[in-house]
Amino acid sequence: MPVLVMKFGGTSVANLDRIRRAAKRVGVEVAKGYDVIVIVSAMSGETNKLVGLVDDTSPLYDAREYDAIVSSGENVTAGLMALTLQEMDVPARSWQGWQVPLLTTSAHSQARIEEIPTDNLNAKFGEGMRVAVVAGFQGLSPEGRITTLGRGGSDTTAVAFAAAFGAERCDIYTDVDGVYTTDPRISPKARKLDKISFEEMLELASLGAKVLQTRSVELAMRYKVKLRVLSSFEEQSDEAGTLVCDEEEIMESNVVAGVAYSRDEAKMTLLSVADRPGIASIIFGCLSDAGVNVDMIVQNISEDGRTDMTCSLPTDQVARAKQALEQLKTDGGLNYAELVTDDGVAKVSVVGIGMRSQSGVAAKMFKVLSDEGVNIKVITTSEIKISVLIDRKYMELAVQALHDAFELEKV
């Protein structure tokens, strides 16, 4: 039988009625002749509740026990989904990560998938099982302990299973009906895309779009897994949702595919740092060791052997970054005049593979923002992306203006 992977997010399995609705969708695919691997998240809000219980019990918790606790939400959903399918006379059973087994690294709460042996599931498919309901987000460490893949890890689980089993497609069911040109809550003109390339989706996901976890898109691109994002609350059809696929499968790409934003950004500047080889390594090595995720980086022109170094980072990591850099200064490893932070900024980006072959996108973007009175603080670019850091109060204005300027509402 051909294999299809179907992943249902937390809102799609939030209660028994929604689990039944999801199970009916699975039954439709089984009737078409597929063996189906269903990946489920915990019921909506369940993981947050479990994380809260851990925090209330032990603020300095053992990460191994944290994983054992927070992964339990997916186990409940998997069992309920399997029972629901059995009630529909569909041969199904639930699988926890260790039973498959989904083998991971030992990095608890942020483990990475190493291997998914296919023998156990294939043996059961051969015996007549039609649906394997697998608990997402979890795996097994080399030490034999339960691990979790980080928030949103069920997306990554689904793509990894699709790659391991050579699935025809991986369908991601969520509470939105596809990938949009921007957030419809900000721009009413936002349009659902029928297709988007892996590279564009990867950029959008990393720049703030919440539709898919970044790691899941990376895996899909590496193993050429066709991804379809669609709503579990709307009527199903072969044309529903958005297909994430190779660039070659898209007949004609717009110059810009979408506008992404990230609201919770901060800007940090080290003033008057020594301009010498190795200084950037010292600064960003220190931040990396402190677990700070730095994004945009700009270094000013040197004057009298000194320079300024600016970067962007998540607002909730500012305190950690300041502590690390101040400690580095105290210990004598780094000499700077002042550390300036601004946690009132946002990142706005335009993304499109069409930028490779058409010039003028940056000039148009900067003019649009200028016409709206929006000052740009930091700029970074890649082959298919331009990102700017601006005052947060102008974020929605910037997104709407750029969406209109690049006429993304048009097919």
Protein backbone atom coordinates (compact mmCIF):
# COMPACT_ATOMS: atom_id res chain seq x y z
CA MET A 1 0.00 0.00 0.00
CA PRO A 2 1.19 3.59 -0.60
CA VAL A 3 1.83 5.47 2.64
CA LEU A 4 0.36 8.83 3.62
CA VAL A 5 1.38 10.82 6.72
CA MET A 6 -1.27 12.99 8.37
CA LYS A 7 -0.40 15.29 11.28
CA PHE A 8 -3.04 16.88 13.51
CA GLY A 9 -2.10 19.85 15.69
CA GLY A 10 -3.41 20.63 19.16
CA THR A 11 -6.43 22.64 18.03
CA SER A 12 -7.42 19.84 15.63
CA VAL A 13 -7.60 17.32 18.52
CA ALA A 14 -8.66 19.71 21.29
CA ASN A 15 -11.63 17.57 22.38
CA LEU A 16 -13.37 14.30 21.51
CA ASP A 17 -15.57 15.89 18.84
CA ARG A 18 -12.51 17.22 17.03
CA ILE A 19 -10.72 13.89 17.38
CA ARG A 20 -13.74 12.22 15.76
CA ARG A 21 -13.68 14.77 12.93
CA ALA A 22 -9.95 14.12 12.40
CA ALA A 23 -10.52 10.36 12.49
CA LYS A 24 -13.12 10.66 9.73
CA ARG A 25 -10.53 12.39 7.54
CA VAL A 26 -8.15 9.51 8.21
CA GLY A 27 -10.89 7.03 7.31
CA VAL A 28 -11.37 8.76 3.94
CA GLU A 29 -7.68 8.25 3.09
CA VAL A 30 -7.76 4.61 4.22
CA ALA A 31 -10.73 4.05 1.90
CA LYS A 32 -8.62 5.42 -0.97
CA GLY A 33 -6.12 2.61 -0.38
CA TYR A 34 -3.47 4.27 1.79
CA ASP A 35 -1.71 2.90 4.82
CA VAL A 36 -1.74 5.96 7.06
CA ILE A 37 0.68 7.15 9.71
CA VAL A 38 -1.10 9.70 11.89
CA ILE A 39 1.06 12.02 14.00
CA VAL A 40 -0.80 13.75 16.83
CA SER A 41 -0.02 16.65 19.13
CA ALA A 42 -1.29 16.97 22.68
CA MET A 43 -4.81 18.32 23.04
CA SER A 44 -4.84 22.14 22.87
CA GLY A 45 -3.47 23.71 26.07
CA GLU A 46 -2.36 20.39 27.57
CA THR A 47 1.38 20.86 27.06
CA ASN A 48 1.29 24.33 28.63
CA LYS A 49 -0.53 22.85 31.64
CA LEU A 50 2.10 20.12 32.01
CA VAL A 51 4.96 22.63 31.70
CA GLY A 52 3.29 24.72 34.40
CA LEU A 53 3.11 21.71 36.72
CA VAL A 54 6.83 21.09 36.21
CA ASP A 55 7.70 24.73 36.93
CA ASP A 56 5.54 24.74 40.07
CA THR A 57 7.14 21.53 41.31
CA SER A 58 10.80 22.25 40.58
CA PRO A 59 12.07 25.53 39.07
CA LEU A 60 15.51 23.91 38.58
CA TYR A 61 14.11 20.72 37.12
CA ASP A 62 15.80 17.57 35.82
CA ALA A 63 15.40 17.85 32.02
CA ARG A 64 14.93 14.07 31.74
CA GLU A 65 11.91 14.15 34.03
CA TYR A 66 10.62 17.27 32.25
CA ASP A 67 10.54 15.31 29.00
CA ALA A 68 8.83 12.34 30.66
CA ILE A 69 6.07 14.65 31.92
CA VAL A 70 5.44 17.00 28.99
CA SER A 71 5.48 14.18 26.42
CA SER A 72 2.54 12.48 28.13
CA GLY A 73 -0.03 14.76 26.48
CA GLU A 74 0.66 13.24 23.06
CA ASN A 75 0.27 9.72 24.48
CA VAL A 76 -3.29 10.51 25.57
CA THR A 77 -4.23 11.92 22.16
CA ALA A 78 -2.69 8.94 20.33
CA GLY A 79 -4.67 6.47 22.42
CA LEU A 80 -7.95 8.37 21.98
CA MET A 81 -7.43 8.65 18.21
CA ALA A 82 -6.70 4.91 17.93
CA LEU A 83 -9.82 4.07 19.95
CA THR A 84 -11.93 6.39 17.79
CA LEU A 85 -10.66 4.75 14.59
CA GLN A 86 -11.33 1.30 16.01
CA GLU A 87 -14.92 2.38 16.72
CA MET A 88 -15.12 3.22 12.99
CA ASP A 89 -13.90 -0.33 12.16
CA VAL A 90 -10.55 0.98 10.94
CA PRO A 91 -7.67 -1.28 12.10
CA ALA A 92 -5.53 1.10 14.13
CA ARG A 93 -3.23 1.17 17.14
CA SER A 94 -1.29 3.83 19.01
CA TRP A 95 2.49 4.06 19.15
CA GLN A 96 4.63 6.02 21.59
CA GLY A 97 7.98 7.31 20.40
CA TRP A 98 9.98 4.59 22.17
CA GLN A 99 7.82 1.83 20.64
CA VAL A 100 8.53 2.79 17.03
CA PRO A 101 11.34 3.57 18.00
CA LEU A 102 12.07 7.19 17.00
CA LEU A 103 15.74 7.48 17.93
CA THR A 104 17.10 10.89 18.96
CA THR A 105 20.10 12.59 20.50
CA SER A 106 20.34 13.01 24.28
CA ALA A 107 19.59 16.76 24.25
CA HIS A 108 16.48 16.69 26.42
CA SER A 109 13.71 19.18 25.52
CA GLN A 110 15.46 19.95 22.22
CA ALA A 111 16.51 16.56 20.89
CA ARG A 112 17.20 15.98 17.21
CA ILE A 113 16.05 12.92 15.30
CA GLU A 114 18.80 10.43 14.45
CA GLU A 115 16.88 7.54 12.86
CA ILE A 116 13.41 6.02 12.45
CA PRO A 117 13.67 2.26 11.85
CA THR A 118 10.68 1.14 9.78
CA ASP A 119 10.59 -2.57 10.71
CA ASN A 120 8.06 -2.45 13.57
CA LEU A 121 5.42 -0.38 11.77
CA ASN A 122 5.88 -2.19 8.46
CA ALA A 123 5.45 -5.54 10.21
CA LYS A 124 2.14 -4.39 11.68
CA PHE A 125 1.00 -2.96 8.34
CA GLY A 126 1.77 -6.37 6.87
CA GLU A 127 -0.42 -7.99 9.53
CA GLY A 128 -3.42 -5.82 8.60
CA MET A 129 -3.01 -2.62 10.59
CA ARG A 130 -4.14 0.28 8.38
CA VAL A 131 -3.39 3.24 10.66
CA ALA A 132 -0.45 3.78 13.00
CA VAL A 133 -1.26 6.64 15.39
CA VAL A 134 2.10 7.95 16.60
CA ALA A 135 2.58 10.36 19.49
CA GLY A 136 4.42 13.37 18.03
CA PHE A 137 7.10 15.51 19.67
CA GLN A 138 8.81 12.59 21.43
CA GLY A 139 11.56 10.05 20.93
CA LEU A 140 14.08 7.79 22.64
CA SER A 141 17.63 8.77 23.67
CA PRO A 142 20.65 6.44 23.41
CA GLU A 143 20.37 6.07 27.20
CA GLY A 144 16.82 4.74 26.87
CA ARG A 145 15.08 7.86 28.21
CA ILE A 146 12.13 9.70 26.67
CA THR A 147 13.15 12.88 24.84
CA THR A 148 11.18 15.73 23.31
CA LEU A 149 11.95 17.69 20.14
CA GLY A 150 11.09 21.23 21.26
CA ARG A 151 7.83 23.14 20.89
CA GLY A 152 6.21 22.47 17.54
CA GLY A 153 8.14 19.20 17.33
CA SER A 154 5.16 17.21 16.05
CA ASP A 155 5.60 18.90 12.65
CA THR A 156 9.17 17.63 12.57
CA THR A 157 8.01 14.16 13.65
CA ALA A 158 5.54 14.05 10.76
CA VAL A 159 8.06 15.05 8.10
CA ALA A 160 10.65 12.63 9.48
CA PHE A 161 8.16 9.73 9.24
CA ALA A 162 7.23 10.77 5.70
CA ALA A 163 10.91 10.69 4.73
CA ALA A 164 11.62 7.38 6.49
CA PHE A 165 8.63 5.59 4.95
CA GLY A 166 8.80 7.20 1.50
CA ALA A 167 5.32 8.64 1.96
CA GLU A 168 3.47 10.00 -1.04
CA ARG A 169 2.76 13.20 0.88
CA CYS A 170 2.72 14.67 4.38
CA ASP A 171 -0.48 16.53 5.27
CA ILE A 172 -0.26 19.00 8.17
CA TYR A 173 -3.72 19.74 9.57
CA THR A 174 -3.97 22.92 11.61
CA ASP A 175 -6.40 25.74 12.42
CA VAL A 176 -5.57 27.73 9.26
CA ASP A 177 -6.43 26.67 5.72
CA GLY A 178 -2.96 27.16 4.25
CA VAL A 179 0.00 29.51 3.94
CA TYR A 180 -0.92 33.14 3.33
CA THR A 181 0.97 36.02 1.74
CA THR A 182 0.96 37.59 5.21
CA ASP A 183 -0.97 37.36 8.46
CA PRO A 184 -4.69 37.85 7.58
CA ARG A 185 -5.21 39.42 11.00
CA ILE A 186 -2.97 42.31 9.94
CA SER A 187 -3.83 42.60 6.26
CA PRO A 188 -7.39 41.71 5.17
CA LYS A 189 -6.03 41.46 1.62
CA ALA A 190 -3.81 38.49 2.52
CA ARG A 191 -4.21 35.69 -0.04
CA LYS A 192 -3.83 31.94 0.44
CA LEU A 193 -1.05 30.50 -1.71
CA ASP A 194 -1.75 27.33 -3.70
CA LYS A 195 1.97 26.47 -3.78
CA ILE A 196 5.12 27.79 -2.14
CA SER A 197 8.72 26.61 -2.50
CA PHE A 198 10.63 24.93 0.32
CA GLU A 199 13.10 27.83 0.43
CA GLU A 200 10.39 30.48 0.69
CA MET A 201 8.57 28.53 3.39
CA LEU A 202 11.80 28.02 5.31
CA GLU A 203 12.51 31.75 5.27
CA LEU A 204 8.94 32.64 6.27
CA ALA A 205 8.97 30.10 9.11
CA SER A 206 12.31 31.34 10.44
CA LEU A 207 11.17 34.97 10.16
CA GLY A 208 8.08 34.63 12.31
CA ALA A 209 5.37 32.80 10.32
CA LYS A 210 3.84 30.33 12.77
CA VAL A 211 2.33 27.87 10.27
CA LEU A 212 5.17 25.32 10.30
CA GLN A 213 8.11 24.66 12.59
CA THR A 214 11.38 25.66 10.89
CA ARG A 215 13.04 22.28 11.47
CA SER A 216 10.16 20.48 9.75
CA VAL A 217 10.63 22.58 6.60
CA GLU A 218 14.39 21.95 6.67
CA LEU A 219 13.75 18.20 6.78
CA ALA A 220 11.16 18.36 4.02
CA MET A 221 13.54 20.28 1.77
CA ARG A 222 16.43 17.90 2.44
CA TYR A 223 14.43 14.73 1.75
CA LYS A 224 12.07 16.21 -0.89
CA VAL A 225 8.96 15.47 1.16
CA LYS A 226 5.84 17.06 -0.32
CA LEU A 227 4.10 19.00 2.44
CA ARG A 228 0.50 20.13 2.35
CA VAL A 229 -0.80 22.60 4.96
CA LEU A 230 -4.56 22.60 5.34
CA SER A 231 -7.36 23.18 7.84
CA SER A 232 -8.97 20.39 9.82
CA PHE A 233 -12.13 22.50 10.11
CA GLU A 234 -12.98 22.88 6.41
CA GLU A 235 -14.22 20.54 3.71
CA GLN A 236 -11.46 18.39 2.28
CA SER A 237 -10.51 18.32 -1.40
CA ASP A 238 -7.44 17.46 -3.46
CA GLU A 239 -6.87 21.18 -4.12
CA ALA A 240 -7.28 22.28 -0.48
CA GLY A 241 -4.55 24.02 1.48
CA THR A 242 -1.06 25.02 0.36
CA LEU A 243 1.48 22.64 -1.15
CA VAL A 244 5.10 23.18 -0.06
CA CYS A 245 7.26 21.74 -2.81
CA ASP A 246 10.33 22.10 -5.02
CA GLU A 247 10.77 25.37 -6.88
CA GLU A 248 10.62 23.44 -10.17
CA GLU A 249 7.01 22.43 -9.47
CA ILE A 250 5.86 26.05 -9.42
CA MET A 251 5.16 27.26 -12.94
CA GLU A 252 5.72 31.00 -12.40
CA SER A 253 6.81 32.62 -9.15
CA ASN A 254 6.00 36.15 -8.05
CA VAL A 255 8.99 38.30 -7.19
CA VAL A 256 7.76 38.43 -3.59
CA ALA A 257 5.79 35.50 -2.16
CA GLY A 258 5.02 36.90 1.28
CA VAL A 259 5.63 39.41 4.04
CA ALA A 260 6.63 38.03 7.45
CA TYR A 261 7.08 39.74 10.78
CA SER A 262 8.43 39.04 14.24
CA ARG A 263 7.03 41.24 16.98
CA ASP A 264 9.16 40.29 19.98
CA GLU A 265 12.55 41.53 18.81
CA ALA A 266 15.19 43.61 20.58
CA LYS A 267 18.25 45.49 19.34
CA MET A 268 21.53 45.41 21.27
CA THR A 269 24.58 47.57 20.52
CA LEU A 270 28.07 47.39 21.95
CA LEU A 271 29.62 50.85 21.65
CA SER A 272 33.34 51.37 21.07
CA VAL A 273 34.58 47.80 20.80
CA ALA A 274 38.18 47.13 19.75
CA ASP A 275 38.30 46.55 15.98
CA ARG A 276 40.66 43.60 15.73
CA PRO A 277 40.63 40.00 14.47
CA GLY A 278 38.70 37.68 16.75
CA ILE A 279 36.52 40.28 18.48
CA ALA A 280 33.32 39.09 16.79
CA SER A 281 34.18 35.52 17.77
CA ILE A 282 34.55 36.56 21.42
CA ILE A 283 31.23 38.49 21.47
CA PHE A 284 29.04 35.98 19.68
CA GLY A 285 30.75 32.97 21.22
CA CYS A 286 29.86 34.42 24.62
CA LEU A 287 26.23 34.94 23.55
CA SER A 288 26.04 31.43 22.09
CA ASP A 289 27.34 29.89 25.31
CA ALA A 290 24.63 31.82 27.17
CA GLY A 291 21.94 30.32 24.91
CA VAL A 292 21.16 33.61 23.14
CA ASN A 293 19.84 33.36 19.56
CA VAL A 294 21.30 36.26 17.60
CA ASP A 295 19.85 37.13 14.21
CA MET A 296 20.71 40.37 12.38
CA ILE A 297 24.31 41.58 12.84
CA VAL A 298 25.78 44.92 11.73
CA GLN A 299 29.27 46.31 12.37
CA ASN A 300 29.99 49.99 11.87
CA ILE A 301 33.02 51.47 10.11
CA SER A 302 36.09 51.51 12.35
CA GLU A 303 37.44 54.79 13.68
CA ASP A 304 40.64 55.06 15.71
CA GLY A 305 40.71 51.30 16.10
CA ARG A 306 37.23 51.15 17.66
CA THR A 307 33.88 50.12 16.22
CA ASP A 308 30.24 49.56 17.20
CA MET A 309 28.59 46.11 16.96
CA THR A 310 24.79 45.76 16.68
CA CYS A 311 22.62 42.64 16.66
CA SER A 312 18.98 41.65 17.07
CA LEU A 313 17.70 39.00 19.48
CA PRO A 314 14.43 37.84 21.07
CA THR A 315 13.18 40.19 23.79
CA ASP A 316 13.03 37.40 26.37
CA GLN A 317 16.77 36.81 25.96
CA VAL A 318 17.92 40.41 26.53
CA ALA A 319 18.56 40.00 30.27
CA ARG A 320 20.58 36.84 29.66
CA ALA A 321 22.62 38.52 26.92
CA LYS A 322 23.37 41.60 29.06
CA GLN A 323 24.46 39.44 31.97
CA ALA A 324 26.78 37.39 29.76
CA LEU A 325 28.42 40.43 28.11
CA GLU A 326 28.79 42.34 31.38
CA GLN A 327 30.40 39.28 32.95
CA LEU A 328 32.75 39.05 29.97
CA LYS A 329 33.72 42.70 30.46
CA THR A 330 34.29 42.18 34.19
CA ASP A 331 36.52 39.19 33.53
CA GLY A 332 38.60 41.26 31.13
CA GLY A 333 37.81 39.36 27.97
CA LEU A 334 35.98 42.25 26.30
CA ASN A 335 36.40 46.01 26.54
CA TYR A 336 33.54 48.27 25.40
CA ALA A 337 32.29 51.73 26.36
CA GLU A 338 28.57 51.03 26.74
CA LEU A 339 25.91 48.38 26.15
CA VAL A 340 22.70 49.89 24.68
CA THR A 341 19.49 47.89 24.29
CA ASP A 342 16.17 48.70 22.63
CA ASP A 343 13.36 46.18 23.21
CA GLY A 344 10.74 48.15 21.30
CA VAL A 345 11.55 46.96 17.79
CA ALA A 346 10.08 44.48 15.31
CA LYS A 347 11.45 42.66 12.28
CA VAL A 348 9.61 42.87 8.96
CA SER A 349 10.73 40.81 5.96
CA VAL A 350 9.80 40.25 2.33
CA VAL A 351 10.53 36.80 0.88
CA GLY A 352 10.48 35.48 -2.67
CA ILE A 353 12.53 33.24 -4.96
CA GLY A 354 11.76 35.71 -7.75
CA MET A 355 14.28 38.11 -6.18
CA ARG A 356 17.06 36.02 -7.67
CA SER A 357 16.20 37.17 -11.19
CA GLN A 358 14.72 40.62 -10.64
CA SER A 359 16.43 43.72 -9.26
CA GLY A 360 14.90 46.66 -7.48
CA VAL A 361 13.07 44.84 -4.69
CA ALA A 362 15.20 46.41 -1.94
CA ALA A 363 14.85 49.90 -3.42
CA LYS A 364 11.08 49.50 -3.66
CA MET A 365 10.83 48.17 -0.10
CA PHE A 366 12.87 51.04 1.34
CA LYS A 367 10.87 53.64 -0.59
CA VAL A 368 7.57 52.20 0.62
CA LEU A 369 8.74 52.39 4.23
CA SER A 370 10.12 55.89 3.70
CA ASP A 371 6.82 57.09 2.24
CA GLU A 372 5.06 55.80 5.37
CA GLY A 373 7.52 57.59 7.65
CA VAL A 374 9.04 54.34 8.95
CA ASN A 375 12.71 54.58 9.91
CA ILE A 376 14.92 51.53 9.29
CA LYS A 377 17.34 50.65 12.10
CA VAL A 378 19.04 47.53 10.71
CA ILE A 379 18.98 45.78 7.29
CA THR A 380 19.99 42.25 6.35
CA THR A 381 19.55 40.40 3.08
CA SER A 382 19.91 36.97 1.53
CA GLU A 383 19.35 35.71 -2.00
CA ILE A 384 15.57 35.50 -1.49
CA LYS A 385 14.93 37.70 1.58
CA ILE A 386 15.21 41.30 2.79
CA SER A 387 14.68 41.98 6.51
CA VAL A 388 14.54 45.29 8.33
CA LEU A 389 14.37 46.20 12.00
CA ILE A 390 11.92 49.03 12.74
CA ASP A 391 10.10 50.55 15.72
CA ARG A 392 7.45 48.06 16.85
CA LYS A 393 4.66 50.66 16.76
CA TYR A 394 5.04 50.82 12.96
CA MET A 395 5.04 47.04 12.40
CA GLU A 396 1.45 46.59 11.23
CA LEU A 397 1.63 49.70 9.06
CA ALA A 398 4.82 48.38 7.42
CA VAL A 399 3.34 44.93 6.77
CA GLN A 400 0.18 46.36 5.19
CA ALA A 401 2.09 48.88 3.08
CA LEU A 402 4.54 46.28 1.74
CA HIS A 403 1.74 43.78 1.04
CA ASP A 404 -0.07 46.46 -1.00
CA ALA A 405 3.06 47.73 -2.76
CA PHE A 406 4.05 44.27 -4.03
CA GLU A 407 0.38 43.54 -4.95
CA LEU A 408 0.40 40.23 -3.14
CA GLU A 409 -3.38 40.05 -3.16
CA LYS A 410 -3.21 39.32 -6.91
CA VAL A 411 -2.80 35.78 -8.21
